[in-house]
PDB file of N, CA and C in Angstrom:
ATOM      1  N   MET A   1       0.864  -1.188  -0.009  1.00  0.00           N
ATOM      2  CA  MET A   1      -0.018   0.008  -0.007  1.00  0.00           C
ATOM      3  C   MET A   1       0.889   1.232  -0.013  1.00  0.00           C
ATOM      4  N   ARG A   2       0.568   2.211  -0.805  1.00  0.00           N
ATOM      5  CA  ARG A   2       1.322   3.439  -0.888  1.00  0.00           C
ATOM      6  C   ARG A   2       0.860   4.400   0.195  1.00  0.00           C
ATOM      7  N   GLU A   3       1.850   4.926   0.916  1.00  0.00           N
ATOM      8  CA  GLU A   3       1.549   5.872   2.019  1.00  0.00           C
ATOM      9  C   GLU A   3       1.514   7.281   1.460  1.00  0.00           C
ATOM     10  N   ALA A   4       0.603   8.093   1.976  1.00  0.00           N
ATOM     11  CA  ALA A   4       0.570   9.512   1.563  1.00  0.00           C
ATOM     12  C   ALA A   4       1.819  10.195   2.127  1.00  0.00           C
ATOM     13  N   GLY A   5       2.184  11.317   1.501  1.00  0.00           N
ATOM     14  CA  GLY A   5       3.382  12.060   1.938  1.00  0.00           C
ATOM     15  C   GLY A   5       3.300  12.472   3.388  1.00  0.00           C
ATOM     16  N   ARG A   6       4.421  12.447   4.054  1.00  0.00           N
ATOM     17  CA  ARG A   6       4.485  12.860   5.443  1.00  0.00           C
ATOM     18  C   ARG A   6       4.523  14.404   5.489  1.00  0.00           C
ATOM     19  N   ARG A   7       4.021  14.965   6.551  1.00  0.00           N
ATOM     20  CA  ARG A   7       4.008  16.421   6.704  1.00  0.00           C
ATOM     21  C   ARG A   7       5.126  16.802   7.629  1.00  0.00           C
ATOM     22  N   PRO A   8       5.767  17.962   7.375  1.00  0.00           N
ATOM     23  CA  PRO A   8       6.796  18.410   8.296  1.00  0.00           C
ATOM     24  C   PRO A   8       6.180  18.749   9.657  1.00  0.00           C
ATOM     25  N   GLY A   9       6.891  18.498  10.710  1.00  0.00           N
ATOM     26  CA  GLY A   9       6.366  18.670  12.073  1.00  0.00           C
ATOM     27  C   GLY A   9       6.271  20.088  12.547  1.00  0.00           C
ATOM     28  N   ALA A  10       7.079  20.997  11.981  1.00  0.00           N
ATOM     29  CA  ALA A  10       7.104  22.352  12.524  1.00  0.00           C
ATOM     30  C   ALA A  10       6.875  23.374  11.445  1.00  0.00           C
ATOM     31  N   VAL A  11       6.109  24.384  11.788  1.00  0.00           N
ATOM     32  CA  VAL A  11       5.923  25.536  10.891  1.00  0.00           C
ATOM     33  C   VAL A  11       6.310  26.752  11.756  1.00  0.00           C
ATOM     34  N   ALA A  12       7.171  27.605  11.214  1.00  0.00           N
ATOM     35  CA  ALA A  12       7.649  28.771  12.024  1.00  0.00           C
ATOM     36  C   ALA A  12       7.677  30.002  11.136  1.00  0.00           C
ATOM     37  N   GLY A  13       7.845  31.123  11.804  1.00  0.00           N
ATOM     38  CA  GLY A  13       8.074  32.364  11.078  1.00  0.00           C
ATOM     39  C   GLY A  13       6.964  32.776  10.164  1.00  0.00           C
ATOM     40  N   VAL A  14       5.696  32.579  10.559  1.00  0.00           N
ATOM     41  CA  VAL A  14       4.586  32.875   9.670  1.00  0.00           C
ATOM     42  C   VAL A  14       4.392  34.402   9.588  1.00  0.00           C
ATOM     43  N   VAL A  15       4.388  34.924   8.348  1.00  0.00           N
ATOM     44  CA  VAL A  15       4.151  36.343   8.089  1.00  0.00           C
ATOM     45  C   VAL A  15       3.038  36.421   7.048  1.00  0.00           C
ATOM     46  N   VAL A  16       1.988  37.187   7.338  1.00  0.00           N
ATOM     47  CA  VAL A  16       0.862  37.354   6.430  1.00  0.00           C
ATOM     48  C   VAL A  16       0.959  38.731   5.798  1.00  0.00           C
ATOM     49  N   HIS A  17       0.870  38.800   4.453  1.00  0.00           N
ATOM     50  CA  HIS A  17       0.943  40.035   3.713  1.00  0.00           C
ATOM     51  C   HIS A  17      -0.390  40.266   3.033  1.00  0.00           C
ATOM     52  N   GLU A  18      -0.955  41.464   3.289  1.00  0.00           N
ATOM     53  CA  GLU A  18      -2.139  41.874   2.533  1.00  0.00           C
ATOM     54  C   GLU A  18      -1.627  42.434   1.203  1.00  0.00           C
ATOM     55  N   THR A  19      -2.477  42.420   0.186  1.00  0.00           N
ATOM     56  CA  THR A  19      -2.100  42.945  -1.116  1.00  0.00           C
ATOM     57  C   THR A  19      -3.086  44.042  -1.521  1.00  0.00           C
ATOM     58  N   LEU A  20      -2.807  44.693  -2.653  1.00  0.00           N
ATOM     59  CA  LEU A  20      -3.719  45.705  -3.171  1.00  0.00           C
ATOM     60  C   LEU A  20      -5.064  45.099  -3.586  1.00  0.00           C
ATOM     61  N   ASP A  21      -5.049  43.818  -3.912  1.00  0.00           N
ATOM     62  CA  ASP A  21      -6.290  43.086  -4.247  1.00  0.00           C
ATOM     63  C   ASP A  21      -6.889  42.566  -2.919  1.00  0.00           C
ATOM     64  N   PRO A  22      -8.027  43.041  -2.479  1.00  0.00           N
ATOM     65  CA  PRO A  22      -8.573  42.629  -1.186  1.00  0.00           C
ATOM     66  C   PRO A  22      -8.901  41.133  -1.094  1.00  0.00           C
ATOM     67  N   GLU A  23      -8.989  40.429  -2.225  1.00  0.00           N
ATOM     68  CA  GLU A  23      -9.228  38.990  -2.200  1.00  0.00           C
ATOM     69  C   GLU A  23      -7.948  38.162  -1.996  1.00  0.00           C
ATOM     70  N   VAL A  24      -6.792  38.761  -2.187  1.00  0.00           N
ATOM     71  CA  VAL A  24      -5.533  38.017  -2.207  1.00  0.00           C
ATOM     72  C   VAL A  24      -4.718  38.263  -0.946  1.00  0.00           C
ATOM     73  N   VAL A  25      -4.231  37.157  -0.354  1.00  0.00           N
ATOM     74  CA  VAL A  25      -3.366  37.173   0.809  1.00  0.00           C
ATOM     75  C   VAL A  25      -2.130  36.331   0.512  1.00  0.00           C
ATOM     76  N   VAL A  26      -0.953  36.821   0.852  1.00  0.00           N
ATOM     77  CA  VAL A  26       0.254  36.087   0.668  1.00  0.00           C
ATOM     78  C   VAL A  26       0.822  35.709   2.042  1.00  0.00           C
ATOM     79  N   VAL A  27       1.166  34.432   2.247  1.00  0.00           N
ATOM     80  CA  VAL A  27       1.671  33.938   3.531  1.00  0.00           C
ATOM     81  C   VAL A  27       3.078  33.398   3.332  1.00  0.00           C
ATOM     82  N   GLU A  28       4.028  33.908   4.084  1.00  0.00           N
ATOM     83  CA  GLU A  28       5.379  33.377   4.093  1.00  0.00           C
ATOM     84  C   GLU A  28       5.539  32.539   5.357  1.00  0.00           C
ATOM     85  N   LEU A  29       6.203  31.387   5.263  1.00  0.00           N
ATOM     86  CA  LEU A  29       6.456  30.562   6.445  1.00  0.00           C
ATOM     87  C   LEU A  29       7.719  29.750   6.233  1.00  0.00           C
ATOM     88  N   ALA A  30       8.117  29.101   7.275  1.00  0.00           N
ATOM     89  CA  ALA A  30       9.288  28.212   7.206  1.00  0.00           C
ATOM     90  C   ALA A  30       8.871  26.825   7.661  1.00  0.00           C
ATOM     91  N   LEU A  31       9.276  25.806   6.941  1.00  0.00           N
ATOM     92  CA  LEU A  31       8.992  24.420   7.267  1.00  0.00           C
ATOM     93  C   LEU A  31      10.183  23.797   7.989  1.00  0.00           C
ATOM     94  N   GLY A  32       9.863  22.938   8.937  1.00  0.00           N
ATOM     95  CA  GLY A  32      10.917  22.154   9.590  1.00  0.00           C
ATOM     96  C   GLY A  32      11.508  22.724  10.830  1.00  0.00           C
ATOM     97  N   GLY A  33      11.425  24.036  10.985  1.00  0.00           N
ATOM     98  CA  GLY A  33      12.001  24.664  12.192  1.00  0.00           C
ATOM     99  C   GLY A  33      13.452  24.389  12.311  1.00  0.00           C
ATOM    100  N   GLY A  34      13.964  24.331  13.563  1.00  0.00           N
ATOM    101  CA  GLY A  34      15.369  24.045  13.789  1.00  0.00           C
ATOM    102  C   GLY A  34      16.278  25.172  13.307  1.00  0.00           C
ATOM    103  N   ASP A  35      17.576  24.817  13.078  1.00  0.00           N
ATOM    104  CA  ASP A  35      18.560  25.798  12.704  1.00  0.00           C
ATOM    105  C   ASP A  35      18.539  26.171  11.242  1.00  0.00           C
ATOM    106  N   ASP A  36      17.892  25.393  10.392  1.00  0.00           N
ATOM    107  CA  ASP A  36      17.894  25.604   8.959  1.00  0.00           C
ATOM    108  C   ASP A  36      16.501  25.427   8.365  1.00  0.00           C
ATOM    109  N   PRO A  37      15.536  26.329   8.731  1.00  0.00           N
ATOM    110  CA  PRO A  37      14.149  26.179   8.224  1.00  0.00           C
ATOM    111  C   PRO A  37      14.117  26.385   6.700  1.00  0.00           C
ATOM    112  N   LEU A  38      13.118  25.784   6.080  1.00  0.00           N
ATOM    113  CA  LEU A  38      12.966  25.857   4.627  1.00  0.00           C
ATOM    114  C   LEU A  38      11.876  26.848   4.261  1.00  0.00           C
ATOM    115  N   PRO A  39      12.220  27.896   3.478  1.00  0.00           N
ATOM    116  CA  PRO A  39      11.246  28.921   3.144  1.00  0.00           C
ATOM    117  C   PRO A  39      10.156  28.398   2.187  1.00  0.00           C
ATOM    118  N   TYR A  40       8.972  28.968   2.365  1.00  0.00           N
ATOM    119  CA  TYR A  40       7.786  28.495   1.654  1.00  0.00           C
ATOM    120  C   TYR A  40       6.833  29.675   1.535  1.00  0.00           C
ATOM    121  N   VAL A  41       6.136  29.830   0.404  1.00  0.00           N
ATOM    122  CA  VAL A  41       5.178  30.940   0.221  1.00  0.00           C
ATOM    123  C   VAL A  41       3.860  30.347  -0.286  1.00  0.00           C
ATOM    124  N   GLN A  42       2.773  30.863   0.260  1.00  0.00           N
ATOM    125  CA  GLN A  42       1.437  30.451  -0.177  1.00  0.00           C
ATOM    126  C   GLN A  42       0.639  31.681  -0.580  1.00  0.00           C
ATOM    127  N   VAL A  43      -0.169  31.565  -1.627  1.00  0.00           N
ATOM    128  CA  VAL A  43      -0.983  32.668  -2.102  1.00  0.00           C
ATOM    129  C   VAL A  43      -2.427  32.190  -2.118  1.00  0.00           C
ATOM    130  N   PHE A  44      -3.264  32.872  -1.379  1.00  0.00           N
ATOM    131  CA  PHE A  44      -4.674  32.544  -1.243  1.00  0.00           C
ATOM    132  C   PHE A  44      -5.548  33.621  -1.910  1.00  0.00           C
ATOM    133  N   ARG A  45      -6.590  33.188  -2.612  1.00  0.00           N
ATOM    134  CA  ARG A  45      -7.633  34.097  -3.051  1.00  0.00           C
ATOM    135  C   ARG A  45      -8.906  33.669  -2.287  1.00  0.00           C
ATOM    136  N   VAL A  46      -9.466  34.613  -1.518  1.00  0.00           N
ATOM    137  CA  VAL A  46     -10.600  34.335  -0.660  1.00  0.00           C
ATOM    138  C   VAL A  46     -11.752  35.230  -1.085  1.00  0.00           C
ATOM    139  N   ARG A  47     -12.899  34.600  -1.320  1.00  0.00           N
ATOM    140  CA  ARG A  47     -14.094  35.353  -1.759  1.00  0.00           C
ATOM    141  C   ARG A  47     -15.258  34.873  -0.941  1.00  0.00           C
ATOM    142  N   ASP A  48     -15.998  35.775  -0.337  1.00  0.00           N
ATOM    143  CA  ASP A  48     -17.158  35.431   0.473  1.00  0.00           C
ATOM    144  C   ASP A  48     -16.830  34.406   1.543  1.00  0.00           C
ATOM    145  N   GLY A  49     -15.658  34.519   2.132  1.00  0.00           N
ATOM    146  CA  GLY A  49     -15.247  33.628   3.213  1.00  0.00           C
ATOM    147  C   GLY A  49     -14.787  32.245   2.751  1.00  0.00           C
ATOM    148  N   GLN A  50     -14.706  32.023   1.475  1.00  0.00           N
ATOM    149  CA  GLN A  50     -14.255  30.739   0.924  1.00  0.00           C
ATOM    150  C   GLN A  50     -12.960  30.892   0.160  1.00  0.00           C
ATOM    151  N   ILE A  51     -12.064  29.927   0.296  1.00  0.00           N
ATOM    152  CA  ILE A  51     -10.842  29.906  -0.497  1.00  0.00           C
ATOM    153  C   ILE A  51     -11.224  29.487  -1.910  1.00  0.00           C
ATOM    154  N   VAL A  52     -11.035  30.349  -2.898  1.00  0.00           N
ATOM    155  CA  VAL A  52     -11.372  30.014  -4.275  1.00  0.00           C
ATOM    156  C   VAL A  52     -10.135  29.663  -5.089  1.00  0.00           C
ATOM    157  N   SER A  53      -8.951  29.982  -4.576  1.00  0.00           N
ATOM    158  CA  SER A  53      -7.724  29.663  -5.275  1.00  0.00           C
ATOM    159  C   SER A  53      -6.622  29.568  -4.248  1.00  0.00           C
ATOM    160  N   PHE A  54      -5.719  28.613  -4.468  1.00  0.00           N
ATOM    161  CA  PHE A  54      -4.564  28.446  -3.584  1.00  0.00           C
ATOM    162  C   PHE A  54      -3.375  28.008  -4.402  1.00  0.00           C
ATOM    163  N   ARG A  55      -2.263  28.681  -4.234  1.00  0.00           N
ATOM    164  CA  ARG A  55      -1.016  28.289  -4.895  1.00  0.00           C
ATOM    165  C   ARG A  55       0.102  28.328  -3.850  1.00  0.00           C
ATOM    166  N   ASP A  56       1.066  27.434  -4.009  1.00  0.00           N
ATOM    167  CA  ASP A  56       2.222  27.469  -3.104  1.00  0.00           C
ATOM    168  C   ASP A  56       3.505  27.423  -3.937  1.00  0.00           C
ATOM    169  N   TYR A  57       4.525  28.066  -3.368  1.00  0.00           N
ATOM    170  CA  TYR A  57       5.808  28.201  -4.049  1.00  0.00           C
ATOM    171  C   TYR A  57       6.933  27.936  -3.089  1.00  0.00           C
ATOM    172  N   PHE A  58       7.972  27.248  -3.581  1.00  0.00           N
ATOM    173  CA  PHE A  58       9.173  27.032  -2.801  1.00  0.00           C
ATOM    174  C   PHE A  58      10.344  26.895  -3.735  1.00  0.00           C
ATOM    175  N   GLY A  59      11.543  27.155  -3.202  1.00  0.00           N
ATOM    176  CA  GLY A  59      12.756  27.098  -4.008  1.00  0.00           C
ATOM    177  C   GLY A  59      13.310  25.685  -4.135  1.00  0.00           C
ATOM    178  N   PRO A  60      14.381  25.530  -4.894  1.00  0.00           N
ATOM    179  CA  PRO A  60      14.938  24.205  -5.135  1.00  0.00           C
ATOM    180  C   PRO A  60      15.483  23.535  -3.877  1.00  0.00           C
ATOM    181  N   ARG A  61      15.981  24.293  -2.901  1.00  0.00           N
ATOM    182  CA  ARG A  61      16.503  23.684  -1.669  1.00  0.00           C
ATOM    183  C   ARG A  61      15.338  23.062  -0.891  1.00  0.00           C
ATOM    184  N   THR A  62      14.224  23.789  -0.818  1.00  0.00           N
ATOM    185  CA  THR A  62      13.059  23.259  -0.119  1.00  0.00           C
ATOM    186  C   THR A  62      12.526  22.041  -0.815  1.00  0.00           C
ATOM    187  N   ALA A  63      12.441  22.097  -2.170  1.00  0.00           N
ATOM    188  CA  ALA A  63      11.955  20.935  -2.925  1.00  0.00           C
ATOM    189  C   ALA A  63      12.826  19.719  -2.699  1.00  0.00           C
ATOM    190  N   ALA A  64      14.131  19.910  -2.697  1.00  0.00           N
ATOM    191  CA  ALA A  64      15.066  18.752  -2.467  1.00  0.00           C
ATOM    192  C   ALA A  64      14.863  18.187  -1.088  1.00  0.00           C
ATOM    193  N   ALA A  65      14.713  19.046  -0.080  1.00  0.00           N
ATOM    194  CA  ALA A  65      14.524  18.529   1.293  1.00  0.00           C
ATOM    195  C   ALA A  65      13.204  17.803   1.410  1.00  0.00           C
ATOM    196  N   LEU A  66      12.162  18.300   0.790  1.00  0.00           N
ATOM    197  CA  LEU A  66      10.858  17.614   0.830  1.00  0.00           C
ATOM    198  C   LEU A  66      10.953  16.261   0.153  1.00  0.00           C
ATOM    199  N   ALA A  67      11.599  16.216  -1.007  1.00  0.00           N
ATOM    200  CA  ALA A  67      11.736  14.947  -1.710  1.00  0.00           C
ATOM    201  C   ALA A  67      12.612  13.956  -0.965  1.00  0.00           C
ATOM    202  N   ALA A  68      13.548  14.449  -0.192  1.00  0.00           N
ATOM    203  CA  ALA A  68      14.496  13.582   0.560  1.00  0.00           C
ATOM    204  C   ALA A  68      13.871  12.996   1.815  1.00  0.00           C
ATOM    205  N   GLY A  69      12.729  13.473   2.255  1.00  0.00           N
ATOM    206  CA  GLY A  69      12.205  12.814   3.458  1.00  0.00           C
ATOM    207  C   GLY A  69      11.071  13.548   4.156  1.00  0.00           C
ATOM    208  N   LEU A  70      11.008  14.878   4.040  1.00  0.00           N
ATOM    209  CA  LEU A  70       9.951  15.550   4.759  1.00  0.00           C
ATOM    210  C   LEU A  70       8.581  15.292   4.108  1.00  0.00           C
ATOM    211  N   GLY A  71       8.531  15.117   2.781  1.00  0.00           N
ATOM    212  CA  GLY A  71       7.221  14.968   2.133  1.00  0.00           C
ATOM    213  C   GLY A  71       7.175  13.910   1.058  1.00  0.00           C
ATOM    214  N   ALA A  72       8.239  13.197   0.846  1.00  0.00           N
ATOM    215  CA  ALA A  72       8.260  12.215  -0.224  1.00  0.00           C
ATOM    216  C   ALA A  72       7.478  10.948   0.183  1.00  0.00           C
ATOM    217  N   ALA A  73       6.668  10.453  -0.696  1.00  0.00           N
ATOM    218  CA  ALA A  73       5.999   9.168  -0.473  1.00  0.00           C
ATOM    219  C   ALA A  73       6.874   8.056  -0.911  1.00  0.00           C
ATOM    220  N   PRO A  74       6.885   6.923  -0.231  1.00  0.00           N
ATOM    221  CA  PRO A  74       7.733   5.801  -0.688  1.00  0.00           C
ATOM    222  C   PRO A  74       7.263   5.263  -2.019  1.00  0.00           C
ATOM    223  N   ALA A  75       8.178   4.802  -2.819  1.00  0.00           N
ATOM    224  CA  ALA A  75       7.872   4.216  -4.124  1.00  0.00           C
ATOM    225  C   ALA A  75       7.175   2.862  -3.927  1.00  0.00           C
ATOM    226  N   GLY A  76       6.349   2.535  -4.904  1.00  0.00           N
ATOM    227  CA  GLY A  76       5.743   1.232  -4.874  1.00  0.00           C
ATOM    228  C   GLY A  76       4.307   1.146  -4.905  1.00  0.00           C
TER     229      GLY A  76
END
């Protein structure tokens, strides 16, 4: 049976940015905590109290760390 990806245990340094578009909020955070947290950005579009769009962005170092164990699902 294939296991779903594991989630990192710690989220730190959350900063919420409002934008000129009142529907859009940008959230910066760090995954993993510790001495070398991994930067991550999320962009939400919220309308009438509902999330209508969500995108997330991270750099190559974060992607490599996630693939190496924080979020990679086992093959098979």
